[in-house]
Amino acid sequence: MRLRKKPWVSQALEKYESFVLLPDDEILQGQWQSIFGRTAPLHVELGTGKGRFICGMAEMYPHINFIGIEAQQDVLYYAAQKIAEKQLTNVRLLVFDINHVMNLFAPAEVNRFYINFCDPWPKARHDKRRLTHHRFLDMYRQLLSPGGDIHFKTDNEQLFRFSLEEFANYQWPLEHVSYDLHNSDFTGNVMTEYEIKFSSKGGPIYRCEAKPPKILC
């Protein structure tokens, strides 16, 4: 499940080994409170990129444990630099394929997933690769704790409308749905690097929060 890594990045990341982890499915699953050394809510960003968002959130919410997952090791390196510069102790990073996210967490171990500006996979035949496709929603549902949720942002209207339909079709209640986040009354938004660049050109940002369906006994 590990992705191919560039040798120079692997060496460069060694100095961040205190918070950049190698995913060992049998060790990490269900062990996150021990890894952080404290009991705290667990928030996971799927697709961390260069780390501006997760660093900003970790600064604002020091009482929360944050995990950033990124498929590209050379991109994650920049996130590691930011975390080290800010001396954040409540963040852990992994290079990992999100398709196998079930192997990283135990059922009900995660309190929140952040999905920020993921690949829209615009071709219809690629819809299963979208991180808001129902095959992913089923995984998130199993991993989220009671009261847990997903916070989703994108600049792609087609992906946003697809996501709203997936949430609705699979009974995920929605909150704070916005078709123009930066011109809404929403407060506390932390922008990613991509979000800053895109919104500076006048494009709208779409956002929503979704909770997994309640299982009736």
N, C-alpha and C. Protein backbone atom coordinates (compact mmCIF):
# COMPACT_ATOMS: atom_id res chain seq x y z
N MET A 1 0.81 -1.20 0.00
CA MET A 1 0.00 0.00 0.00
C MET A 1 0.85 1.26 0.00
N ARG A 2 2.12 1.14 0.28
CA ARG A 2 2.97 2.31 0.25
C ARG A 2 3.27 2.71 -1.18
N LEU A 3 3.36 3.99 -1.41
CA LEU A 3 3.63 4.51 -2.73
C LEU A 3 5.13 4.67 -2.91
N ARG A 4 5.56 4.62 -4.18
CA ARG A 4 6.97 4.77 -4.49
C ARG A 4 7.46 6.15 -4.04
N LYS A 5 8.62 6.19 -3.43
CA LYS A 5 9.13 7.43 -2.88
C LYS A 5 10.43 7.83 -3.57
N LYS A 6 10.65 9.14 -3.67
CA LYS A 6 11.89 9.65 -4.23
C LYS A 6 12.98 9.58 -3.16
N PRO A 7 14.14 9.00 -3.51
CA PRO A 7 15.19 8.80 -2.49
C PRO A 7 15.59 10.07 -1.75
N TRP A 8 15.72 11.19 -2.45
CA TRP A 8 16.18 12.41 -1.78
C TRP A 8 15.17 12.90 -0.74
N VAL A 9 13.88 12.69 -1.04
CA VAL A 9 12.86 13.12 -0.09
C VAL A 9 12.87 12.22 1.14
N SER A 10 13.05 10.95 0.93
CA SER A 10 13.10 10.02 2.06
C SER A 10 14.19 10.42 3.03
N GLN A 11 15.34 10.77 2.50
CA GLN A 11 16.45 11.19 3.35
C GLN A 11 16.14 12.52 4.05
N ALA A 12 15.54 13.44 3.29
CA ALA A 12 15.22 14.76 3.85
C ALA A 12 14.18 14.65 4.97
N LEU A 13 13.26 13.70 4.84
CA LEU A 13 12.19 13.56 5.83
C LEU A 13 12.67 12.91 7.12
N GLU A 14 13.85 12.32 7.10
CA GLU A 14 14.34 11.63 8.29
C GLU A 14 14.44 12.55 9.50
N LYS A 15 14.75 13.83 9.25
CA LYS A 15 14.88 14.75 10.38
C LYS A 15 13.54 15.10 10.99
N TYR A 16 12.44 14.69 10.33
CA TYR A 16 11.10 14.94 10.86
C TYR A 16 10.44 13.65 11.35
N GLU A 17 11.26 12.66 11.66
CA GLU A 17 10.72 11.35 11.99
C GLU A 17 9.88 11.34 13.26
N SER A 18 9.98 12.40 14.05
CA SER A 18 9.16 12.45 15.27
C SER A 18 7.68 12.63 14.97
N PHE A 19 7.35 13.17 13.79
CA PHE A 19 5.93 13.35 13.44
C PHE A 19 5.57 12.88 12.03
N VAL A 20 6.53 12.45 11.22
CA VAL A 20 6.24 11.84 9.92
C VAL A 20 6.37 10.34 10.10
N LEU A 21 5.27 9.62 9.96
CA LEU A 21 5.23 8.21 10.30
C LEU A 21 5.19 7.33 9.07
N LEU A 22 5.77 6.15 9.19
CA LEU A 22 5.65 5.14 8.16
C LEU A 22 4.43 4.29 8.47
N PRO A 23 3.49 4.16 7.53
CA PRO A 23 2.25 3.43 7.83
C PRO A 23 2.45 1.93 7.95
N ASP A 24 2.32 1.44 9.14
CA ASP A 24 2.32 0.01 9.40
C ASP A 24 0.92 -0.33 9.89
N ASP A 25 0.14 -0.96 9.01
CA ASP A 25 -1.29 -1.15 9.27
C ASP A 25 -1.56 -1.76 10.65
N GLU A 26 -0.77 -2.75 11.04
CA GLU A 26 -1.07 -3.47 12.27
C GLU A 26 -0.71 -2.66 13.52
N ILE A 27 0.14 -1.65 13.35
CA ILE A 27 0.56 -0.86 14.51
C ILE A 27 -0.28 0.40 14.66
N LEU A 28 -0.56 1.10 13.55
CA LEU A 28 -1.25 2.38 13.64
C LEU A 28 -2.74 2.24 13.92
N GLN A 29 -3.37 1.24 13.39
CA GLN A 29 -4.82 1.09 13.52
C GLN A 29 -5.21 0.93 14.99
N GLY A 30 -6.00 1.88 15.47
CA GLY A 30 -6.47 1.83 16.85
C GLY A 30 -5.47 2.31 17.88
N GLN A 31 -4.34 2.84 17.44
CA GLN A 31 -3.27 3.23 18.37
C GLN A 31 -2.99 4.72 18.40
N TRP A 32 -3.85 5.52 17.80
CA TRP A 32 -3.50 6.93 17.62
C TRP A 32 -3.42 7.72 18.91
N GLN A 33 -4.22 7.40 19.88
CA GLN A 33 -4.12 8.12 21.16
C GLN A 33 -2.76 7.87 21.80
N SER A 34 -2.27 6.65 21.69
CA SER A 34 -0.94 6.32 22.23
C SER A 34 0.16 7.01 21.44
N ILE A 35 0.00 7.08 20.12
CA ILE A 35 1.01 7.72 19.27
C ILE A 35 1.15 9.19 19.62
N PHE A 36 0.02 9.86 19.87
CA PHE A 36 0.08 11.27 20.25
C PHE A 36 0.44 11.46 21.72
N GLY A 37 0.30 10.40 22.49
CA GLY A 37 0.63 10.50 23.91
C GLY A 37 -0.41 11.21 24.73
N ARG A 38 -1.63 11.28 24.22
CA ARG A 38 -2.70 11.93 24.97
C ARG A 38 -4.04 11.50 24.38
N THR A 39 -5.09 11.68 25.14
CA THR A 39 -6.44 11.41 24.66
C THR A 39 -7.06 12.72 24.20
N ALA A 40 -7.40 12.80 22.92
CA ALA A 40 -7.95 14.02 22.33
C ALA A 40 -8.72 13.65 21.07
N PRO A 41 -9.64 14.51 20.64
CA PRO A 41 -10.35 14.25 19.38
C PRO A 41 -9.35 14.10 18.23
N LEU A 42 -9.69 13.24 17.28
CA LEU A 42 -8.80 12.95 16.15
C LEU A 42 -9.42 13.47 14.86
N HIS A 43 -8.74 14.43 14.23
CA HIS A 43 -9.18 15.00 12.96
C HIS A 43 -8.18 14.64 11.86
N VAL A 44 -8.69 14.19 10.72
CA VAL A 44 -7.85 13.67 9.65
C VAL A 44 -8.09 14.45 8.37
N GLU A 45 -7.03 14.98 7.78
CA GLU A 45 -7.13 15.64 6.48
C GLU A 45 -6.69 14.66 5.39
N LEU A 46 -7.58 14.41 4.45
CA LEU A 46 -7.31 13.50 3.35
C LEU A 46 -6.80 14.30 2.16
N GLY A 47 -5.49 14.31 1.97
CA GLY A 47 -4.87 15.12 0.93
C GLY A 47 -4.34 16.41 1.53
N THR A 48 -3.24 16.32 2.24
CA THR A 48 -2.72 17.44 3.00
C THR A 48 -2.00 18.48 2.14
N GLY A 49 -1.48 18.04 0.99
CA GLY A 49 -0.74 18.98 0.15
C GLY A 49 0.47 19.53 0.88
N LYS A 50 0.70 20.84 0.73
CA LYS A 50 1.88 21.47 1.34
C LYS A 50 1.65 21.92 2.78
N GLY A 51 0.48 21.61 3.32
CA GLY A 51 0.30 21.72 4.77
C GLY A 51 -0.21 23.01 5.35
N ARG A 52 -0.59 23.98 4.54
CA ARG A 52 -1.03 25.24 5.11
C ARG A 52 -2.29 25.07 5.96
N PHE A 53 -3.23 24.27 5.48
CA PHE A 53 -4.50 24.08 6.19
C PHE A 53 -4.28 23.37 7.52
N ILE A 54 -3.60 22.24 7.50
CA ILE A 54 -3.48 21.46 8.73
C ILE A 54 -2.64 22.21 9.76
N CYS A 55 -1.66 22.98 9.31
CA CYS A 55 -0.88 23.78 10.26
C CYS A 55 -1.74 24.87 10.89
N GLY A 56 -2.54 25.53 10.07
CA GLY A 56 -3.42 26.56 10.59
C GLY A 56 -4.44 26.02 11.58
N MET A 57 -5.01 24.85 11.26
CA MET A 57 -5.98 24.24 12.16
C MET A 57 -5.32 23.79 13.46
N ALA A 58 -4.14 23.23 13.37
CA ALA A 58 -3.44 22.75 14.56
C ALA A 58 -3.08 23.91 15.49
N GLU A 59 -2.77 25.06 14.91
CA GLU A 59 -2.49 26.24 15.73
C GLU A 59 -3.75 26.75 16.42
N MET A 60 -4.87 26.75 15.69
CA MET A 60 -6.12 27.26 16.24
C MET A 60 -6.72 26.33 17.29
N TYR A 61 -6.48 25.02 17.13
CA TYR A 61 -7.11 24.02 18.01
C TYR A 61 -6.05 23.09 18.60
N PRO A 62 -5.26 23.58 19.52
CA PRO A 62 -4.18 22.76 20.10
C PRO A 62 -4.68 21.57 20.89
N HIS A 63 -5.95 21.57 21.26
CA HIS A 63 -6.51 20.46 22.04
C HIS A 63 -6.94 19.29 21.16
N ILE A 64 -6.75 19.41 19.84
CA ILE A 64 -7.15 18.37 18.89
C ILE A 64 -5.91 17.73 18.28
N ASN A 65 -5.95 16.41 18.09
CA ASN A 65 -4.89 15.69 17.39
C ASN A 65 -5.20 15.68 15.89
N PHE A 66 -4.26 16.11 15.07
CA PHE A 66 -4.46 16.18 13.62
C PHE A 66 -3.55 15.19 12.90
N ILE A 67 -4.12 14.54 11.89
CA ILE A 67 -3.35 13.65 11.03
C ILE A 67 -3.50 14.13 9.59
N GLY A 68 -2.39 14.28 8.89
CA GLY A 68 -2.42 14.66 7.49
C GLY A 68 -1.94 13.51 6.62
N ILE A 69 -2.77 13.12 5.67
CA ILE A 69 -2.43 12.02 4.76
C ILE A 69 -2.23 12.60 3.36
N GLU A 70 -1.12 12.25 2.73
CA GLU A 70 -0.80 12.77 1.40
C GLU A 70 -0.14 11.66 0.58
N ALA A 71 -0.57 11.52 -0.67
CA ALA A 71 -0.04 10.47 -1.53
C ALA A 71 1.35 10.80 -2.06
N GLN A 72 1.67 12.09 -2.22
CA GLN A 72 2.93 12.49 -2.82
C GLN A 72 3.94 12.88 -1.75
N GLN A 73 4.97 12.09 -1.65
CA GLN A 73 5.96 12.29 -0.60
C GLN A 73 6.68 13.62 -0.74
N ASP A 74 7.00 14.02 -1.98
CA ASP A 74 7.73 15.27 -2.16
C ASP A 74 6.89 16.48 -1.79
N VAL A 75 5.55 16.36 -1.90
CA VAL A 75 4.66 17.43 -1.47
C VAL A 75 4.58 17.46 0.06
N LEU A 76 4.49 16.31 0.65
CA LEU A 76 4.39 16.22 2.11
C LEU A 76 5.61 16.82 2.80
N TYR A 77 6.74 16.78 2.13
CA TYR A 77 7.96 17.34 2.69
C TYR A 77 7.77 18.81 3.08
N TYR A 78 7.04 19.57 2.24
CA TYR A 78 6.82 20.98 2.53
C TYR A 78 5.89 21.16 3.73
N ALA A 79 4.94 20.24 3.87
CA ALA A 79 4.08 20.27 5.06
C ALA A 79 4.90 20.01 6.31
N ALA A 80 5.82 19.06 6.22
CA ALA A 80 6.68 18.74 7.37
C ALA A 80 7.52 19.95 7.77
N GLN A 81 8.02 20.67 6.77
CA GLN A 81 8.79 21.87 7.07
C GLN A 81 7.97 22.89 7.86
N LYS A 82 6.73 23.10 7.43
CA LYS A 82 5.87 24.07 8.12
C LYS A 82 5.62 23.66 9.56
N ILE A 83 5.35 22.38 9.76
CA ILE A 83 5.05 21.90 11.11
C ILE A 83 6.26 22.08 12.02
N ALA A 84 7.43 21.77 11.48
CA ALA A 84 8.66 21.92 12.27
C ALA A 84 8.92 23.39 12.61
N GLU A 85 8.72 24.27 11.65
CA GLU A 85 8.95 25.70 11.87
C GLU A 85 8.03 26.26 12.95
N LYS A 86 6.79 25.77 12.98
CA LYS A 86 5.82 26.25 13.95
C LYS A 86 5.87 25.46 15.26
N GLN A 87 6.69 24.42 15.28
CA GLN A 87 6.87 23.58 16.47
C GLN A 87 5.54 23.02 16.98
N LEU A 88 4.75 22.53 16.06
CA LEU A 88 3.45 21.96 16.39
C LEU A 88 3.62 20.52 16.87
N THR A 89 3.05 20.23 18.01
CA THR A 89 3.19 18.88 18.57
C THR A 89 1.92 18.05 18.40
N ASN A 90 0.87 18.64 17.86
CA ASN A 90 -0.41 17.93 17.73
C ASN A 90 -0.72 17.54 16.29
N VAL A 91 0.33 17.31 15.48
CA VAL A 91 0.16 16.89 14.08
C VAL A 91 1.05 15.69 13.79
N ARG A 92 0.51 14.73 13.05
CA ARG A 92 1.29 13.62 12.51
C ARG A 92 0.99 13.54 11.01
N LEU A 93 2.00 13.17 10.22
CA LEU A 93 1.86 13.09 8.77
C LEU A 93 2.20 11.70 8.28
N LEU A 94 1.52 11.30 7.19
CA LEU A 94 1.80 10.01 6.57
C LEU A 94 1.75 10.14 5.05
N VAL A 95 2.64 9.41 4.37
CA VAL A 95 2.53 9.22 2.93
C VAL A 95 1.75 7.93 2.74
N PHE A 96 0.55 8.05 2.17
CA PHE A 96 -0.32 6.88 2.13
C PHE A 96 -1.38 7.04 1.05
N ASP A 97 -1.83 5.93 0.51
CA ASP A 97 -2.88 5.88 -0.49
C ASP A 97 -4.23 5.88 0.23
N ILE A 98 -5.02 6.93 0.02
CA ILE A 98 -6.30 7.08 0.72
C ILE A 98 -7.27 5.94 0.41
N ASN A 99 -7.07 5.27 -0.71
CA ASN A 99 -7.94 4.13 -1.04
C ASN A 99 -7.91 3.06 0.05
N HIS A 100 -6.85 3.04 0.83
CA HIS A 100 -6.71 2.03 1.87
C HIS A 100 -6.84 2.62 3.27
N VAL A 101 -7.61 3.70 3.38
CA VAL A 101 -7.73 4.40 4.66
C VAL A 101 -8.28 3.52 5.77
N MET A 102 -9.04 2.49 5.41
CA MET A 102 -9.58 1.58 6.43
C MET A 102 -8.48 0.89 7.22
N ASN A 103 -7.30 0.79 6.63
CA ASN A 103 -6.20 0.11 7.30
C ASN A 103 -5.45 1.00 8.29
N LEU A 104 -5.77 2.27 8.32
CA LEU A 104 -5.07 3.19 9.22
C LEU A 104 -5.80 3.43 10.52
N PHE A 105 -7.12 3.22 10.52
CA PHE A 105 -7.92 3.58 11.68
C PHE A 105 -8.85 2.45 12.08
N ALA A 106 -9.13 2.38 13.35
CA ALA A 106 -10.10 1.42 13.86
C ALA A 106 -11.51 2.00 13.69
N PRO A 107 -12.53 1.17 13.72
CA PRO A 107 -13.90 1.68 13.64
C PRO A 107 -14.16 2.72 14.72
N ALA A 108 -14.79 3.82 14.33
CA ALA A 108 -15.18 4.91 15.24
C ALA A 108 -13.99 5.61 15.89
N GLU A 109 -12.82 5.55 15.28
CA GLU A 109 -11.63 6.17 15.88
C GLU A 109 -11.46 7.64 15.48
N VAL A 110 -12.07 8.04 14.38
CA VAL A 110 -11.89 9.39 13.83
C VAL A 110 -13.09 10.26 14.18
N ASN A 111 -12.83 11.48 14.59
CA ASN A 111 -13.92 12.42 14.89
C ASN A 111 -14.30 13.28 13.69
N ARG A 112 -13.34 13.53 12.81
CA ARG A 112 -13.66 14.37 11.65
C ARG A 112 -12.69 14.10 10.51
N PHE A 113 -13.23 14.10 9.29
CA PHE A 113 -12.41 14.06 8.08
C PHE A 113 -12.52 15.40 7.36
N TYR A 114 -11.39 15.93 6.91
CA TYR A 114 -11.37 17.10 6.05
C TYR A 114 -10.99 16.65 4.64
N ILE A 115 -11.79 17.08 3.67
CA ILE A 115 -11.47 16.81 2.27
C ILE A 115 -11.42 18.16 1.56
N ASN A 116 -10.22 18.60 1.23
CA ASN A 116 -10.03 19.93 0.67
C ASN A 116 -9.47 19.86 -0.75
N PHE A 117 -10.25 20.30 -1.72
CA PHE A 117 -9.79 20.45 -3.09
C PHE A 117 -9.16 19.18 -3.65
N CYS A 118 -9.87 18.08 -3.48
CA CYS A 118 -9.41 16.81 -4.01
C CYS A 118 -9.55 16.79 -5.53
N ASP A 119 -8.91 15.85 -6.17
CA ASP A 119 -8.99 15.69 -7.62
C ASP A 119 -10.45 15.45 -8.00
N PRO A 120 -11.02 16.27 -8.91
CA PRO A 120 -12.44 16.11 -9.26
C PRO A 120 -12.72 14.92 -10.16
N TRP A 121 -11.70 14.33 -10.77
CA TRP A 121 -11.92 13.21 -11.69
C TRP A 121 -13.16 13.47 -12.56
N PRO A 122 -13.08 14.42 -13.49
CA PRO A 122 -14.27 14.90 -14.21
C PRO A 122 -14.94 13.88 -15.14
N LYS A 123 -14.19 12.88 -15.61
CA LYS A 123 -14.80 11.92 -16.52
C LYS A 123 -15.73 10.98 -15.74
N ALA A 124 -16.89 10.73 -16.31
CA ALA A 124 -17.91 9.92 -15.62
C ALA A 124 -17.39 8.54 -15.25
N ARG A 125 -16.56 7.97 -16.10
CA ARG A 125 -16.07 6.61 -15.83
C ARG A 125 -15.10 6.56 -14.65
N HIS A 126 -14.67 7.73 -14.20
CA HIS A 126 -13.75 7.79 -13.07
C HIS A 126 -14.44 8.19 -11.76
N ASP A 127 -15.77 8.17 -11.74
CA ASP A 127 -16.48 8.68 -10.57
C ASP A 127 -16.13 7.93 -9.28
N LYS A 128 -15.75 6.65 -9.38
CA LYS A 128 -15.42 5.89 -8.18
C LYS A 128 -14.14 6.36 -7.51
N ARG A 129 -13.36 7.17 -8.23
CA ARG A 129 -12.12 7.68 -7.66
C ARG A 129 -12.33 8.96 -6.86
N ARG A 130 -13.47 9.57 -7.00
CA ARG A 130 -13.75 10.80 -6.27
C ARG A 130 -13.89 10.48 -4.78
N LEU A 131 -13.29 11.31 -3.95
CA LEU A 131 -13.27 11.02 -2.51
C LEU A 131 -14.62 11.19 -1.83
N THR A 132 -15.62 11.67 -2.57
CA THR A 132 -16.97 11.73 -2.03
C THR A 132 -17.89 10.72 -2.70
N HIS A 133 -17.33 9.80 -3.46
CA HIS A 133 -18.13 8.70 -4.02
C HIS A 133 -18.60 7.81 -2.88
N HIS A 134 -19.73 7.13 -3.08
CA HIS A 134 -20.31 6.38 -1.96
C HIS A 134 -19.43 5.24 -1.45
N ARG A 135 -18.51 4.76 -2.28
CA ARG A 135 -17.61 3.70 -1.76
C ARG A 135 -16.69 4.29 -0.69
N PHE A 136 -16.29 5.54 -0.85
CA PHE A 136 -15.51 6.21 0.20
C PHE A 136 -16.40 6.58 1.37
N LEU A 137 -17.62 7.04 1.08
CA LEU A 137 -18.52 7.41 2.17
C LEU A 137 -18.77 6.24 3.11
N ASP A 138 -18.82 5.04 2.54
CA ASP A 138 -19.04 3.86 3.39
C ASP A 138 -17.85 3.63 4.32
N MET A 139 -16.65 3.89 3.81
CA MET A 139 -15.48 3.75 4.67
C MET A 139 -15.47 4.81 5.77
N TYR A 140 -15.75 6.06 5.39
CA TYR A 140 -15.78 7.13 6.39
C TYR A 140 -16.82 6.83 7.47
N ARG A 141 -17.97 6.32 7.04
CA ARG A 141 -19.04 6.02 7.99
C ARG A 141 -18.57 5.03 9.05
N GLN A 142 -17.80 4.05 8.65
CA GLN A 142 -17.32 3.05 9.61
C GLN A 142 -16.25 3.61 10.54
N LEU A 143 -15.48 4.56 10.04
CA LEU A 143 -14.35 5.08 10.82
C LEU A 143 -14.73 6.24 11.73
N LEU A 144 -15.83 6.92 11.42
CA LEU A 144 -16.22 8.08 12.22
C LEU A 144 -16.87 7.66 13.53
N SER A 145 -16.55 8.39 14.56
CA SER A 145 -17.15 8.16 15.87
C SER A 145 -18.55 8.75 15.90
N PRO A 146 -19.38 8.38 16.88
CA PRO A 146 -20.70 9.00 17.00
C PRO A 146 -20.56 10.52 17.11
N GLY A 147 -21.32 11.24 16.29
CA GLY A 147 -21.22 12.68 16.26
C GLY A 147 -20.15 13.20 15.32
N GLY A 148 -19.40 12.30 14.70
CA GLY A 148 -18.35 12.70 13.77
C GLY A 148 -18.91 13.23 12.46
N ASP A 149 -18.04 13.86 11.66
CA ASP A 149 -18.52 14.44 10.41
C ASP A 149 -17.40 14.62 9.39
N ILE A 150 -17.80 15.09 8.20
CA ILE A 150 -16.88 15.42 7.12
C ILE A 150 -17.03 16.90 6.81
N HIS A 151 -15.90 17.60 6.64
CA HIS A 151 -15.89 18.97 6.15
C HIS A 151 -15.27 18.94 4.76
N PHE A 152 -16.03 19.39 3.77
CA PHE A 152 -15.63 19.25 2.37
C PHE A 152 -15.57 20.61 1.68
N LYS A 153 -14.46 20.88 0.99
CA LYS A 153 -14.31 22.12 0.21
C LYS A 153 -13.78 21.78 -1.18
N THR A 154 -14.27 22.52 -2.17
CA THR A 154 -13.79 22.35 -3.54
C THR A 154 -14.03 23.63 -4.33
N ASP A 155 -13.28 23.77 -5.41
CA ASP A 155 -13.53 24.87 -6.34
C ASP A 155 -14.28 24.38 -7.57
N ASN A 156 -14.57 23.07 -7.61
CA ASN A 156 -15.17 22.45 -8.78
C ASN A 156 -16.68 22.27 -8.57
N GLU A 157 -17.48 23.04 -9.29
CA GLU A 157 -18.92 22.98 -9.09
C GLU A 157 -19.49 21.61 -9.44
N GLN A 158 -18.99 21.00 -10.51
CA GLN A 158 -19.48 19.68 -10.90
C GLN A 158 -19.24 18.65 -9.80
N LEU A 159 -18.04 18.68 -9.23
CA LEU A 159 -17.74 17.75 -8.13
C LEU A 159 -18.61 18.05 -6.92
N PHE A 160 -18.84 19.32 -6.64
CA PHE A 160 -19.66 19.69 -5.48
C PHE A 160 -21.09 19.17 -5.63
N ARG A 161 -21.66 19.37 -6.80
CA ARG A 161 -23.03 18.90 -7.02
C ARG A 161 -23.09 17.37 -6.99
N PHE A 162 -22.10 16.72 -7.54
CA PHE A 162 -22.01 15.26 -7.45
C PHE A 162 -21.96 14.83 -5.98
N SER A 163 -21.16 15.53 -5.20
CA SER A 163 -21.00 15.18 -3.79
C SER A 163 -22.28 15.37 -3.01
N LEU A 164 -22.99 16.48 -3.27
CA LEU A 164 -24.26 16.70 -2.60
C LEU A 164 -25.25 15.58 -2.92
N GLU A 165 -25.24 15.12 -4.16
CA GLU A 165 -26.13 14.02 -4.55
C GLU A 165 -25.74 12.72 -3.85
N GLU A 166 -24.44 12.45 -3.75
CA GLU A 166 -23.99 11.24 -3.05
C GLU A 166 -24.39 11.30 -1.58
N PHE A 167 -24.16 12.43 -0.95
CA PHE A 167 -24.55 12.57 0.46
C PHE A 167 -26.05 12.35 0.63
N ALA A 168 -26.84 12.95 -0.26
CA ALA A 168 -28.29 12.83 -0.15
C ALA A 168 -28.76 11.40 -0.42
N ASN A 169 -28.19 10.77 -1.45
CA ASN A 169 -28.61 9.42 -1.83
C ASN A 169 -28.30 8.39 -0.75
N TYR A 170 -27.29 8.67 0.06
CA TYR A 170 -26.89 7.71 1.09
C TYR A 170 -27.16 8.23 2.50
N GLN A 171 -28.14 9.16 2.58
CA GLN A 171 -28.70 9.64 3.84
C GLN A 171 -27.68 10.28 4.78
N TRP A 172 -26.75 11.05 4.21
CA TRP A 172 -25.85 11.84 5.04
C TRP A 172 -26.44 13.24 5.22
N PRO A 173 -26.90 13.60 6.40
CA PRO A 173 -27.45 14.95 6.62
C PRO A 173 -26.38 16.01 6.37
N LEU A 174 -26.80 17.11 5.77
CA LEU A 174 -25.89 18.19 5.41
C LEU A 174 -26.11 19.43 6.28
N GLU A 175 -25.03 20.15 6.51
CA GLU A 175 -25.09 21.43 7.24
C GLU A 175 -24.14 22.42 6.56
N HIS A 176 -24.45 23.70 6.72
CA HIS A 176 -23.57 24.78 6.26
C HIS A 176 -23.15 24.60 4.80
N VAL A 177 -24.13 24.38 3.95
CA VAL A 177 -23.86 24.25 2.51
C VAL A 177 -23.68 25.64 1.91
N SER A 178 -22.55 25.87 1.27
CA SER A 178 -22.26 27.18 0.69
C SER A 178 -21.76 27.02 -0.74
N TYR A 179 -22.32 27.85 -1.63
CA TYR A 179 -21.88 27.87 -3.02
C TYR A 179 -20.90 29.03 -3.27
N ASP A 180 -20.61 29.78 -2.25
CA ASP A 180 -19.64 30.87 -2.35
C ASP A 180 -19.12 31.17 -0.95
N LEU A 181 -18.24 30.33 -0.48
CA LEU A 181 -17.80 30.36 0.91
C LEU A 181 -17.25 31.71 1.33
N HIS A 182 -16.41 32.29 0.49
CA HIS A 182 -15.73 33.52 0.90
C HIS A 182 -16.65 34.73 0.95
N ASN A 183 -17.82 34.61 0.37
CA ASN A 183 -18.82 35.69 0.45
C ASN A 183 -20.00 35.29 1.32
N SER A 184 -19.79 34.29 2.17
CA SER A 184 -20.84 33.84 3.09
C SER A 184 -20.54 34.36 4.49
N ASP A 185 -21.40 34.02 5.45
CA ASP A 185 -21.18 34.45 6.83
C ASP A 185 -20.40 33.42 7.64
N PHE A 186 -19.83 32.43 6.96
CA PHE A 186 -19.06 31.40 7.66
C PHE A 186 -17.77 32.00 8.22
N THR A 187 -17.45 31.68 9.47
CA THR A 187 -16.25 32.20 10.11
C THR A 187 -15.30 31.06 10.45
N GLY A 188 -14.04 31.39 10.57
CA GLY A 188 -13.06 30.39 10.97
C GLY A 188 -12.48 29.58 9.84
N ASN A 189 -12.68 30.01 8.59
CA ASN A 189 -12.14 29.26 7.46
C ASN A 189 -10.63 29.39 7.40
N VAL A 190 -9.94 28.27 7.29
CA VAL A 190 -8.49 28.25 7.09
C VAL A 190 -8.25 27.82 5.65
N MET A 191 -7.54 28.63 4.89
CA MET A 191 -7.37 28.36 3.47
C MET A 191 -6.14 27.49 3.19
N THR A 192 -6.26 26.67 2.17
CA THR A 192 -5.13 25.91 1.67
C THR A 192 -4.34 26.79 0.70
N GLU A 193 -3.15 26.34 0.31
CA GLU A 193 -2.37 27.07 -0.69
C GLU A 193 -3.17 27.22 -1.98
N TYR A 194 -3.80 26.13 -2.40
CA TYR A 194 -4.57 26.16 -3.64
C TYR A 194 -5.76 27.11 -3.53
N GLU A 195 -6.41 27.11 -2.40
CA GLU A 195 -7.58 27.97 -2.20
C GLU A 195 -7.22 29.44 -2.33
N ILE A 196 -6.09 29.83 -1.78
CA ILE A 196 -5.63 31.22 -1.89
C ILE A 196 -5.43 31.59 -3.36
N LYS A 197 -4.76 30.72 -4.09
CA LYS A 197 -4.46 30.99 -5.49
C LYS A 197 -5.72 31.07 -6.33
N PHE A 198 -6.63 30.10 -6.14
CA PHE A 198 -7.84 30.05 -6.95
C PHE A 198 -8.78 31.21 -6.64
N SER A 199 -9.02 31.46 -5.36
CA SER A 199 -9.97 32.50 -4.97
C SER A 199 -9.46 33.89 -5.33
N SER A 200 -8.14 34.07 -5.42
CA SER A 200 -7.60 35.37 -5.80
C SER A 200 -8.00 35.76 -7.23
N LYS A 201 -8.38 34.77 -8.01
CA LYS A 201 -8.82 35.02 -9.38
C LYS A 201 -10.33 35.22 -9.47
N GLY A 202 -10.98 35.21 -8.32
CA GLY A 202 -12.42 35.49 -8.28
C GLY A 202 -13.32 34.28 -8.34
N GLY A 203 -12.75 33.09 -8.32
CA GLY A 203 -13.58 31.89 -8.39
C GLY A 203 -14.22 31.56 -7.06
N PRO A 204 -15.46 31.05 -7.07
CA PRO A 204 -16.14 30.70 -5.81
C PRO A 204 -15.62 29.40 -5.22
N ILE A 205 -15.70 29.30 -3.92
CA ILE A 205 -15.35 28.09 -3.19
C ILE A 205 -16.63 27.47 -2.66
N TYR A 206 -16.79 26.17 -2.88
CA TYR A 206 -17.98 25.44 -2.43
C TYR A 206 -17.61 24.65 -1.18
N ARG A 207 -18.54 24.64 -0.24
CA ARG A 207 -18.25 23.96 1.03
C ARG A 207 -19.51 23.37 1.65
N CYS A 208 -19.35 22.26 2.34
CA CYS A 208 -20.46 21.69 3.12
C CYS A 208 -19.90 20.81 4.23
N GLU A 209 -20.74 20.50 5.18
CA GLU A 209 -20.43 19.56 6.25
C GLU A 209 -21.48 18.45 6.19
N ALA A 210 -21.03 17.22 6.39
CA ALA A 210 -21.93 16.07 6.29
C ALA A 210 -21.70 15.12 7.45
N LYS A 211 -22.78 14.57 7.97
CA LYS A 211 -22.71 13.59 9.05
C LYS A 211 -23.17 12.23 8.53
N PRO A 212 -22.57 11.16 9.01
CA PRO A 212 -22.98 9.83 8.54
C PRO A 212 -24.40 9.51 8.99
N PRO A 213 -25.08 8.66 8.23
CA PRO A 213 -26.46 8.31 8.60
C PRO A 213 -26.51 7.53 9.90
N LYS A 214 -27.56 7.73 10.65
CA LYS A 214 -27.74 6.98 11.88
C LYS A 214 -28.23 5.58 11.56
N ILE A 215 -27.64 4.62 12.22
CA ILE A 215 -28.03 3.23 12.02
C ILE A 215 -29.16 2.89 12.99
N LEU A 216 -30.29 2.55 12.44
CA LEU A 216 -31.44 2.21 13.28
C LEU A 216 -31.38 0.75 13.70
N CYS A 217 -31.52 0.51 14.98
CA CYS A 217 -31.49 -0.86 15.51
C CYS A 217 -32.87 -1.50 15.41
